[in-house]
Amino acid sequence: QVQLVESGGGLVQAGGSLNLSCATSRSIVDINTMGWYRQAPGKQRDWVALMTSGGTTNYADSVKGRFTISRDNAKNTVYLQMNSLKPEDTGVYYCWISGRVGIMRRSVDFWGQGTQVTVSS
């Protein structure tokens, strides 16, 4: 079964750091883009960090300079290093991958289950 497993969320004080991990299934092939999205309570889900298969990265203005997206191909894992966390960073963080499985000819979106990040003031 296709699965993205996220971990690393938790409760942290403002100014602290967290490192989120997303372990991806080897069933997902021809990955085009991967990234992290955030959904705060009562708000829509918005992207915070994206990476193409070629390594190009983009960051939302609200996290630029504080968050870093990276990947380890050998471990099939995507990471989000979050530094200088603010209360506004509180929300559920989702891993996202665009790719294919099995005999599919089109790329589709795959999402993790989400991991809660809470930043206290």
Protein backbone atom coordinates (compact mmCIF):
# COMPACT_ATOMS: atom_id res chain seq x y z
CA GLN A 1 0.00 0.00 0.00
CA VAL A 2 1.26 3.48 -0.82
CA GLN A 3 2.12 5.26 2.39
CA LEU A 4 3.84 8.42 3.60
CA VAL A 5 4.75 8.22 7.28
CA GLU A 6 5.47 11.49 9.08
CA SER A 7 7.14 11.99 12.43
CA GLY A 8 8.95 14.62 14.47
CA GLY A 9 6.13 16.93 15.52
CA GLY A 10 5.48 17.98 19.08
CA LEU A 11 5.34 20.86 21.54
CA VAL A 12 8.18 23.37 21.58
CA GLN A 13 8.76 26.84 23.00
CA ALA A 14 9.16 29.85 20.75
CA GLY A 15 12.70 30.03 19.41
CA GLY A 16 13.14 26.28 19.50
CA SER A 17 13.64 23.80 16.69
CA LEU A 18 12.03 20.66 15.31
CA ASN A 19 12.99 18.29 12.51
CA LEU A 20 10.12 16.62 10.68
CA SER A 21 10.64 13.41 8.72
CA CYS A 22 8.55 11.84 5.97
CA ALA A 23 9.36 8.24 5.07
CA THR A 24 8.10 7.47 1.57
CA SER A 25 7.16 4.16 -0.01
CA ARG A 26 9.40 2.74 -2.73
CA SER A 27 6.18 2.07 -4.64
CA ILE A 28 6.10 5.76 -5.58
CA VAL A 29 8.19 6.31 -8.71
CA ASP A 30 8.97 9.13 -11.12
CA ILE A 31 8.64 11.71 -8.36
CA ASN A 32 8.24 15.20 -9.82
CA THR A 33 7.90 17.38 -6.75
CA MET A 34 7.80 16.98 -2.98
CA GLY A 35 7.13 19.33 -0.13
CA TRP A 36 5.57 20.27 3.15
CA TYR A 37 2.21 21.94 3.76
CA ARG A 38 0.81 23.48 6.94
CA GLN A 39 -2.76 23.85 8.14
CA ALA A 40 -3.43 26.06 11.15
CA PRO A 41 -6.69 25.66 13.10
CA GLY A 42 -9.56 27.18 11.16
CA LYS A 43 -7.39 27.96 8.13
CA GLN A 44 -6.74 26.36 4.76
CA ARG A 45 -3.76 24.17 4.01
CA ASP A 46 -0.88 26.19 2.53
CA TRP A 47 2.52 25.15 1.23
CA VAL A 48 5.58 26.14 3.23
CA ALA A 49 8.44 24.37 1.42
CA LEU A 50 8.77 22.65 -1.96
CA MET A 51 11.53 20.74 -3.75
CA THR A 52 11.65 19.48 -7.33
CA SER A 53 13.28 16.21 -8.33
CA GLY A 54 16.20 18.28 -9.56
CA GLY A 55 16.75 19.86 -6.15
CA THR A 56 15.25 23.31 -6.72
CA THR A 57 13.61 24.62 -3.54
CA ASN A 58 11.00 27.25 -2.75
CA TYR A 59 9.87 28.58 0.61
CA ALA A 60 6.87 30.57 1.76
CA ASP A 61 7.82 34.06 2.89
CA SER A 62 6.65 33.30 6.42
CA VAL A 63 9.27 30.56 6.86
CA LYS A 64 12.09 31.71 4.59
CA GLY A 65 15.41 31.72 6.38
CA ARG A 66 14.09 29.54 9.20
CA PHE A 67 12.95 26.30 7.52
CA THR A 68 14.98 23.98 5.28
CA ILE A 69 13.63 21.13 3.15
CA SER A 70 15.98 18.28 2.27
CA ARG A 71 15.91 14.65 1.18
CA ASP A 72 17.88 11.45 1.62
CA ASN A 73 17.37 9.28 -1.44
CA ALA A 74 19.04 6.25 0.15
CA LYS A 75 16.49 6.33 2.97
CA ASN A 76 13.55 7.46 0.82
CA THR A 77 12.97 10.22 3.36
CA VAL A 78 12.10 13.92 3.11
CA TYR A 79 12.92 16.28 5.97
CA LEU A 80 11.84 19.70 7.17
CA GLN A 81 14.25 21.35 9.58
CA MET A 82 12.42 24.12 11.45
CA ASN A 83 14.43 26.67 13.43
CA SER A 84 13.50 29.83 15.34
CA LEU A 85 9.94 28.60 15.66
CA LYS A 86 7.17 31.09 16.32
CA PRO A 87 3.66 30.60 17.74
CA GLU A 88 2.35 31.41 14.25
CA ASP A 89 4.03 28.20 13.03
CA THR A 90 1.54 26.12 15.03
CA GLY A 91 -0.48 23.72 12.91
CA VAL A 92 -0.62 20.30 11.33
CA TYR A 93 2.22 19.67 8.89
CA TYR A 94 1.68 17.38 5.90
CA CYS A 95 4.23 15.74 3.63
CA TRP A 96 3.31 15.80 -0.07
CA ILE A 97 4.70 13.98 -3.09
CA SER A 98 3.69 14.02 -6.76
CA GLY A 99 4.50 10.72 -8.45
CA ARG A 100 3.29 7.40 -9.86
CA VAL A 101 2.59 3.91 -8.52
CA GLY A 102 2.18 0.60 -10.34
CA ILE A 103 0.84 0.85 -13.87
CA MET A 104 -0.42 4.40 -13.50
CA ARG A 105 0.61 6.63 -16.39
CA ARG A 106 -0.25 9.93 -14.72
CA SER A 107 1.35 11.50 -11.69
CA VAL A 108 -0.93 11.97 -8.69
CA ASP A 109 -0.69 13.62 -5.29
CA PHE A 110 0.23 11.59 -2.22
CA TRP A 111 -0.22 13.00 1.28
CA GLY A 112 1.02 12.04 4.70
CA GLN A 113 -1.32 11.72 7.66
CA GLY A 114 -0.08 14.96 9.21
CA THR A 115 1.94 15.65 12.34
CA GLN A 116 1.00 18.27 14.93
CA VAL A 117 3.42 21.10 15.70
CA THR A 118 2.58 23.39 18.62
CA VAL A 119 4.76 26.40 19.44
CA SER A 120 4.16 28.09 22.79
CA SER A 121 5.00 31.73 23.50
